PDB file of all heavy atoms in Angstrom:
ATOM      1  N   ILE A   1      99.652 111.081 105.142  1.00  0.00           N
ATOM      2  CA  ILE A   1      98.233 111.128 104.735  1.00  0.00           C
ATOM      3  C   ILE A   1      97.431 110.088 105.497  1.00  0.00           C
ATOM      4  O   ILE A   1      97.868 108.947 105.654  1.00  0.00           O
ATOM      5  CB  ILE A   1      98.107 110.896 103.222  1.00  0.00           C
ATOM      6  CG1 ILE A   1      98.772 112.034 102.438  1.00  0.00           C
ATOM      7  CG2 ILE A   1      96.642 110.782 102.817  1.00  0.00           C
ATOM      8  CD1 ILE A   1      98.836 111.817 100.953  1.00  0.00           C
ATOM      9  N   TYR A   2      96.257 110.507 105.954  1.00  0.00           N
ATOM     10  CA  TYR A   2      95.331 109.592 106.650  1.00  0.00           C
ATOM     11  C   TYR A   2      94.036 109.563 105.827  1.00  0.00           C
ATOM     12  O   TYR A   2      93.397 110.568 105.594  1.00  0.00           O
ATOM     13  CB  TYR A   2      95.039 110.120 108.063  1.00  0.00           C
ATOM     14  CG  TYR A   2      94.116 109.269 108.886  1.00  0.00           C
ATOM     15  CD1 TYR A   2      94.193 107.897 108.887  1.00  0.00           C
ATOM     16  CD2 TYR A   2      93.150 109.894 109.716  1.00  0.00           C
ATOM     17  CE1 TYR A   2      93.341 107.121 109.686  1.00  0.00           C
ATOM     18  CE2 TYR A   2      92.289 109.118 110.476  1.00  0.00           C
ATOM     19  CZ  TYR A   2      92.390 107.743 110.478  1.00  0.00           C
ATOM     20  OH  TYR A   2      91.535 106.983 111.253  1.00  0.00           O
ATOM     21  N   VAL A   3      93.674 108.355 105.390  1.00  0.00           N
ATOM     22  CA  VAL A   3      92.510 108.172 104.537  1.00  0.00           C
ATOM     23  C   VAL A   3      91.437 107.411 105.297  1.00  0.00           C
ATOM     24  O   VAL A   3      91.733 106.396 105.955  1.00  0.00           O
ATOM     25  CB  VAL A   3      92.858 107.383 103.250  1.00  0.00           C
ATOM     26  CG1 VAL A   3      91.610 107.212 102.369  1.00  0.00           C
ATOM     27  CG2 VAL A   3      93.946 108.094 102.481  1.00  0.00           C
ATOM     28  N   GLN A   4      90.168 107.884 105.238  1.00  0.00           N
ATOM     29  CA  GLN A   4      89.047 107.172 105.790  1.00  0.00           C
ATOM     30  C   GLN A   4      88.041 106.924 104.682  1.00  0.00           C
ATOM     31  O   GLN A   4      87.831 107.768 103.805  1.00  0.00           O
ATOM     32  CB  GLN A   4      88.375 107.980 106.928  1.00  0.00           C
ATOM     33  CG  GLN A   4      89.120 108.043 108.203  1.00  0.00           C
ATOM     34  CD  GLN A   4      88.275 108.659 109.312  1.00  0.00           C
ATOM     35  OE1 GLN A   4      87.218 109.236 109.101  1.00  0.00           O
ATOM     36  NE2 GLN A   4      88.763 108.550 110.540  1.00  0.00           N
ATOM     37  N   SER A   5      87.405 105.738 104.705  1.00  0.00           N
ATOM     38  CA  SER A   5      86.356 105.447 103.743  1.00  0.00           C
ATOM     39  C   SER A   5      85.346 104.493 104.358  1.00  0.00           C
ATOM     40  O   SER A   5      85.628 103.847 105.377  1.00  0.00           O
ATOM     41  CB  SER A   5      86.953 104.848 102.449  1.00  0.00           C
ATOM     42  OG  SER A   5      87.637 103.638 102.741  1.00  0.00           O
ATOM     43  N   GLY A   6      84.161 104.426 103.732  1.00  0.00           N
ATOM     44  CA  GLY A   6      83.119 103.542 104.200  1.00  0.00           C
ATOM     45  C   GLY A   6      83.211 102.193 103.549  1.00  0.00           C
ATOM     46  O   GLY A   6      83.631 102.072 102.378  1.00  0.00           O
ATOM     47  N   GLY A   7      82.820 101.154 104.249  1.00  0.00           N
ATOM     48  CA  GLY A   7      82.905  99.813 103.712  1.00  0.00           C
ATOM     49  C   GLY A   7      81.929  99.490 102.617  1.00  0.00           C
ATOM     50  O   GLY A   7      82.119  98.512 101.898  1.00  0.00           O
ATOM     51  N   THR A   8      80.878 100.288 102.478  1.00  0.00           N
ATOM     52  CA  THR A   8      79.863  99.999 101.463  1.00  0.00           C
ATOM     53  C   THR A   8      79.779 101.063 100.392  1.00  0.00           C
ATOM     54  O   THR A   8      78.796 101.105  99.636  1.00  0.00           O
ATOM     55  CB  THR A   8      78.484  99.811 102.083  1.00  0.00           C
ATOM     56  OG1 THR A   8      78.069 101.065 102.687  1.00  0.00           O
ATOM     57  CG2 THR A   8      78.473  98.731 103.147  1.00  0.00           C
ATOM     58  N   GLU A   9      80.778 101.918 100.284  1.00  0.00           N
ATOM     59  CA  GLU A   9      80.647 102.971  99.292  1.00  0.00           C
ATOM     60  C   GLU A   9      81.099 102.522  97.895  1.00  0.00           C
ATOM     61  O   GLU A   9      81.991 101.690  97.763  1.00  0.00           O
ATOM     62  CB  GLU A   9      81.364 104.253  99.706  1.00  0.00           C
ATOM     63  CG  GLU A   9      82.845 104.184  99.946  1.00  0.00           C
ATOM     64  CD  GLU A   9      83.346 105.571 100.299  1.00  0.00           C
ATOM     65  OE1 GLU A   9      83.306 106.449  99.424  1.00  0.00           O
ATOM     66  OE2 GLU A   9      83.776 105.805 101.453  1.00  0.00           O
ATOM     67  N   ILE A  10      80.456 103.097  96.894  1.00  0.00           N
ATOM     68  CA  ILE A  10      80.734 102.647  95.526  1.00  0.00           C
ATOM     69  C   ILE A  10      82.093 103.101  95.018  1.00  0.00           C
ATOM     70  O   ILE A  10      82.604 102.557  94.043  1.00  0.00           O
ATOM     71  CB  ILE A  10      79.619 103.117  94.554  1.00  0.00           C
ATOM     72  CG1 ILE A  10      79.645 104.662  94.407  1.00  0.00           C
ATOM     73  CG2 ILE A  10      78.252 102.637  95.004  1.00  0.00           C
ATOM     74  CD1 ILE A  10      78.708 105.172  93.300  1.00  0.00           C
ATOM     75  N   MET A  11      82.735 104.044  95.713  1.00  0.00           N
ATOM     76  CA  MET A  11      84.063 104.524  95.294  1.00  0.00           C
ATOM     77  C   MET A  11      85.199 103.681  95.819  1.00  0.00           C
ATOM     78  O   MET A  11      86.362 104.008  95.603  1.00  0.00           O
ATOM     79  CB  MET A  11      84.273 105.965  95.757  1.00  0.00           C
ATOM     80  CG  MET A  11      83.349 106.977  95.153  1.00  0.00           C
ATOM     81  SD  MET A  11      83.739 108.613  95.756  1.00  0.00           S
ATOM     82  CE  MET A  11      82.339 109.550  95.114  1.00  0.00           C
ATOM     83  N   ALA A  12      84.906 102.583  96.491  1.00  0.00           N
ATOM     84  CA  ALA A  12      85.942 101.759  97.126  1.00  0.00           C
ATOM     85  C   ALA A  12      87.137 101.454  96.209  1.00  0.00           C
ATOM     86  O   ALA A  12      88.282 101.557  96.634  1.00  0.00           O
ATOM     87  CB  ALA A  12      85.325 100.491  97.687  1.00  0.00           C
ATOM     88  N   PRO A  13      86.904 101.044  94.946  1.00  0.00           N
ATOM     89  CA  PRO A  13      88.067 100.681  94.114  1.00  0.00           C
ATOM     90  C   PRO A  13      89.021 101.835  93.845  1.00  0.00           C
ATOM     91  O   PRO A  13      90.226 101.664  93.875  1.00  0.00           O
ATOM     92  CB  PRO A  13      87.408 100.201  92.795  1.00  0.00           C
ATOM     93  CG  PRO A  13      86.045  99.755  93.186  1.00  0.00           C
ATOM     94  CD  PRO A  13      85.631 100.703  94.263  1.00  0.00           C
ATOM     95  N   GLN A  14      88.486 103.042  93.596  1.00  0.00           N
ATOM     96  CA  GLN A  14      89.378 104.148  93.309  1.00  0.00           C
ATOM     97  C   GLN A  14      90.100 104.625  94.581  1.00  0.00           C
ATOM     98  O   GLN A  14      91.244 105.103  94.515  1.00  0.00           O
ATOM     99  CB  GLN A  14      88.630 105.298  92.645  1.00  0.00           C
ATOM    100  CG  GLN A  14      87.520 105.950  93.437  1.00  0.00           C
ATOM    101  CD  GLN A  14      86.820 107.024  92.620  1.00  0.00           C
ATOM    102  OE1 GLN A  14      87.101 108.199  92.718  1.00  0.00           O
ATOM    103  NE2 GLN A  14      85.885 106.571  91.774  1.00  0.00           N
ATOM    104  N   ILE A  15      89.438 104.500  95.733  1.00  0.00           N
ATOM    105  CA  ILE A  15      90.104 104.889  96.985  1.00  0.00           C
ATOM    106  C   ILE A  15      91.244 103.942  97.262  1.00  0.00           C
ATOM    107  O   ILE A  15      92.363 104.360  97.626  1.00  0.00           O
ATOM    108  CB  ILE A  15      89.089 104.911  98.141  1.00  0.00           C
ATOM    109  CG1 ILE A  15      88.034 105.972  97.893  1.00  0.00           C
ATOM    110  CG2 ILE A  15      89.799 105.161  99.448  1.00  0.00           C
ATOM    111  CD1 ILE A  15      86.883 105.976  98.877  1.00  0.00           C
ATOM    112  N   ALA A  16      91.028 102.647  97.103  1.00  0.00           N
ATOM    113  CA  ALA A  16      92.071 101.648  97.320  1.00  0.00           C
ATOM    114  C   ALA A  16      93.223 101.843  96.353  1.00  0.00           C
ATOM    115  O   ALA A  16      94.391 101.739  96.706  1.00  0.00           O
ATOM    116  CB  ALA A  16      91.475 100.237  97.222  1.00  0.00           C
ATOM    117  N   ALA A  17      92.870 102.152  95.089  1.00  0.00           N
ATOM    118  CA  ALA A  17      93.925 102.347  94.053  1.00  0.00           C
ATOM    119  C   ALA A  17      94.737 103.600  94.367  1.00  0.00           C
ATOM    120  O   ALA A  17      95.948 103.639  94.154  1.00  0.00           O
ATOM    121  CB  ALA A  17      93.264 102.447  92.683  1.00  0.00           C
ATOM    122  N   LEU A  18      94.060 104.657  94.870  1.00  0.00           N
ATOM    123  CA  LEU A  18      94.783 105.884  95.257  1.00  0.00           C
ATOM    124  C   LEU A  18      95.774 105.582  96.367  1.00  0.00           C
ATOM    125  O   LEU A  18      96.938 106.017  96.304  1.00  0.00           O
ATOM    126  CB  LEU A  18      93.785 106.947  95.704  1.00  0.00           C
ATOM    127  CG  LEU A  18      94.408 108.160  96.399  1.00  0.00           C
ATOM    128  CD1 LEU A  18      95.212 108.996  95.403  1.00  0.00           C
ATOM    129  CD2 LEU A  18      93.321 109.025  97.054  1.00  0.00           C
ATOM    130  N   VAL A  19      95.313 104.883  97.394  1.00  0.00           N
ATOM    131  CA  VAL A  19      96.195 104.551  98.525  1.00  0.00           C
ATOM    132  C   VAL A  19      97.416 103.777  98.061  1.00  0.00           C
ATOM    133  O   VAL A  19      98.541 104.041  98.467  1.00  0.00           O
ATOM    134  CB  VAL A  19      95.415 103.775  99.604  1.00  0.00           C
ATOM    135  CG1 VAL A  19      96.331 103.214 100.663  1.00  0.00           C
ATOM    136  CG2 VAL A  19      94.344 104.663 100.261  1.00  0.00           C
ATOM    137  N   GLU A  20      97.205 102.799  97.189  1.00  0.00           N
ATOM    138  CA  GLU A  20      98.296 101.977  96.675  1.00  0.00           C
ATOM    139  C   GLU A  20      99.296 102.841  95.889  1.00  0.00           C
ATOM    140  O   GLU A  20     100.517 102.699  96.050  1.00  0.00           O
ATOM    141  CB  GLU A  20      97.755 100.897  95.772  1.00  0.00           C
ATOM    142  CG  GLU A  20      98.849  99.966  95.230  1.00  0.00           C
ATOM    143  CD  GLU A  20      98.288  98.843  94.356  1.00  0.00           C
ATOM    144  OE1 GLU A  20      97.040  98.813  94.139  1.00  0.00           O
ATOM    145  OE2 GLU A  20      99.062  98.008  93.894  1.00  0.00           O
ATOM    146  N   LYS A  21      98.763 103.753  95.062  1.00  0.00           N
ATOM    147  CA  LYS A  21      99.657 104.576  94.267  1.00  0.00           C
ATOM    148  C   LYS A  21     100.458 105.545  95.153  1.00  0.00           C
ATOM    149  O   LYS A  21     101.659 105.771  94.931  1.00  0.00           O
ATOM    150  CB  LYS A  21      98.867 105.393  93.240  1.00  0.00           C
ATOM    151  CG  LYS A  21      99.765 106.254  92.345  1.00  0.00           C
ATOM    152  CD  LYS A  21      98.981 106.859  91.180  1.00  0.00           C
ATOM    153  CE  LYS A  21      99.929 107.652  90.276  1.00  0.00           C
ATOM    154  NZ  LYS A  21      99.246 108.207  89.074  1.00  0.00           N
ATOM    155  N   LEU A  22      99.802 106.133  96.156  1.00  0.00           N
ATOM    156  CA  LEU A  22     100.493 107.027  97.073  1.00  0.00           C
ATOM    157  C   LEU A  22     101.644 106.296  97.765  1.00  0.00           C
ATOM    158  O   LEU A  22     102.744 106.841  97.897  1.00  0.00           O
ATOM    159  CB  LEU A  22      99.514 107.605  98.099  1.00  0.00           C
ATOM    160  CG  LEU A  22      98.510 108.620  97.607  1.00  0.00           C
ATOM    161  CD1 LEU A  22      97.462 108.917  98.688  1.00  0.00           C
ATOM    162  CD2 LEU A  22      99.183 109.909  97.149  1.00  0.00           C
ATOM    163  N   ARG A  23     101.374 105.075  98.209  1.00  0.00           N
ATOM    164  CA  ARG A  23     102.424 104.308  98.870  1.00  0.00           C
ATOM    165  C   ARG A  23     103.561 103.965  97.911  1.00  0.00           C
ATOM    166  O   ARG A  23     104.755 104.031  98.285  1.00  0.00           O
ATOM    167  CB  ARG A  23     101.819 103.034  99.479  1.00  0.00           C
ATOM    168  CG  ARG A  23     100.986 103.307 100.712  1.00  0.00           C
ATOM    169  CD  ARG A  23     100.235 102.059 101.192  1.00  0.00           C
ATOM    170  NE  ARG A  23      99.522 102.334 102.435  1.00  0.00           N
ATOM    171  CZ  ARG A  23      98.548 101.557 102.898  1.00  0.00           C
ATOM    172  NH1 ARG A  23      98.167 100.484 102.206  1.00  0.00           N
ATOM    173  NH2 ARG A  23      97.955 101.859 104.040  1.00  0.00           N
ATOM    174  N   ASP A  24     103.182 103.611  96.669  1.00  0.00           N
ATOM    175  CA  ASP A  24     104.207 103.285  95.680  1.00  0.00           C
ATOM    176  C   ASP A  24     105.109 104.488  95.390  1.00  0.00           C
ATOM    177  O   ASP A  24     106.289 104.297  95.015  1.00  0.00           O
ATOM    178  CB  ASP A  24     103.537 102.843  94.372  1.00  0.00           C
ATOM    179  CG  ASP A  24     102.926 101.434  94.464  1.00  0.00           C
ATOM    180  OD1 ASP A  24     103.278 100.718  95.435  1.00  0.00           O
ATOM    181  OD2 ASP A  24     102.109 101.106  93.597  1.00  0.00           O
ATOM    182  N   HIS A  25     104.547 105.688  95.566  1.00  0.00           N
ATOM    183  CA  HIS A  25     105.329 106.890  95.283  1.00  0.00           C
ATOM    184  C   HIS A  25     106.001 107.426  96.557  1.00  0.00           C
ATOM    185  O   HIS A  25     106.499 108.560  96.571  1.00  0.00           O
ATOM    186  CB  HIS A  25     104.428 107.965  94.695  1.00  0.00           C
ATOM    187  CG  HIS A  25     104.052 107.681  93.267  1.00  0.00           C
ATOM    188  ND1 HIS A  25     103.456 108.617  92.448  1.00  0.00           N
ATOM    189  CD2 HIS A  25     104.186 106.571  92.527  1.00  0.00           C
ATOM    190  CE1 HIS A  25     103.239 108.073  91.265  1.00  0.00           C
ATOM    191  NE2 HIS A  25     103.678 106.842  91.274  1.00  0.00           N
ATOM    192  N   GLY A  26     106.019 106.599  97.602  1.00  0.00           N
ATOM    193  CA  GLY A  26     106.781 106.977  98.789  1.00  0.00           C
ATOM    194  C   GLY A  26     106.059 107.732  99.866  1.00  0.00           C
ATOM    195  O   GLY A  26     106.682 108.115 100.872  1.00  0.00           O
ATOM    196  N   ALA A  27     104.767 107.963  99.707  1.00  0.00           N
ATOM    197  CA  ALA A  27     104.016 108.712 100.742  1.00  0.00           C
ATOM    198  C   ALA A  27     103.700 107.794 101.923  1.00  0.00           C
ATOM    199  O   ALA A  27     103.528 106.571 101.771  1.00  0.00           O
ATOM    200  CB  ALA A  27     102.718 109.246 100.160  1.00  0.00           C
ATOM    201  N   LYS A  28     103.700 108.362 103.107  1.00  0.00           N
ATOM    202  CA  LYS A  28     103.314 107.621 104.322  1.00  0.00           C
ATOM    203  C   LYS A  28     101.815 107.716 104.451  1.00  0.00           C
ATOM    204  O   LYS A  28     101.262 108.791 104.699  1.00  0.00           O
ATOM    205  CB  LYS A  28     103.974 108.247 105.541  1.00  0.00           C
ATOM    206  CG  LYS A  28     105.516 108.175 105.498  1.00  0.00           C
ATOM    207  CD  LYS A  28     106.126 108.882 106.684  1.00  0.00           C
ATOM    208  CE  LYS A  28     107.660 108.799 106.650  1.00  0.00           C
ATOM    209  NZ  LYS A  28     108.270 109.526 107.779  1.00  0.00           N
ATOM    210  N   VAL A  29     101.121 106.606 104.251  1.00  0.00           N
ATOM    211  CA  VAL A  29      99.681 106.601 104.180  1.00  0.00           C
ATOM    212  C   VAL A  29      99.081 105.578 105.140  1.00  0.00           C
ATOM    213  O   VAL A  29      99.558 104.433 105.217  1.00  0.00           O
ATOM    214  CB  VAL A  29      99.189 106.268 102.759  1.00  0.00           C
ATOM    215  CG1 VAL A  29      97.659 106.376 102.681  1.00  0.00           C
ATOM    216  CG2 VAL A  29      99.827 107.201 101.731  1.00  0.00           C
ATOM    217  N   GLU A  30      98.074 105.995 105.867  1.00  0.00           N
ATOM    218  CA  GLU A  30      97.258 105.057 106.681  1.00  0.00           C
ATOM    219  C   GLU A  30      95.846 105.099 106.143  1.00  0.00           C
ATOM    220  O   GLU A  30      95.299 106.197 105.901  1.00  0.00           O
ATOM    221  CB  GLU A  30      97.304 105.502 108.154  1.00  0.00           C
ATOM    222  CG  GLU A  30      96.438 104.604 109.030  1.00  0.00           C
ATOM    223  CD  GLU A  30      96.448 105.032 110.475  1.00  0.00           C
ATOM    224  OE1 GLU A  30      97.295 105.842 110.859  1.00  0.00           O
ATOM    225  OE2 GLU A  30      95.570 104.573 111.246  1.00  0.00           O
TER     226      GLU A  30
END
């Protein structure tokens, strides 16, 4: 999975939390 996000978007916390959870579950994420 490849994730892109903006540095000033209000969804930043949920995007970061998603990335962390995906990695915790063994997914290869950038």
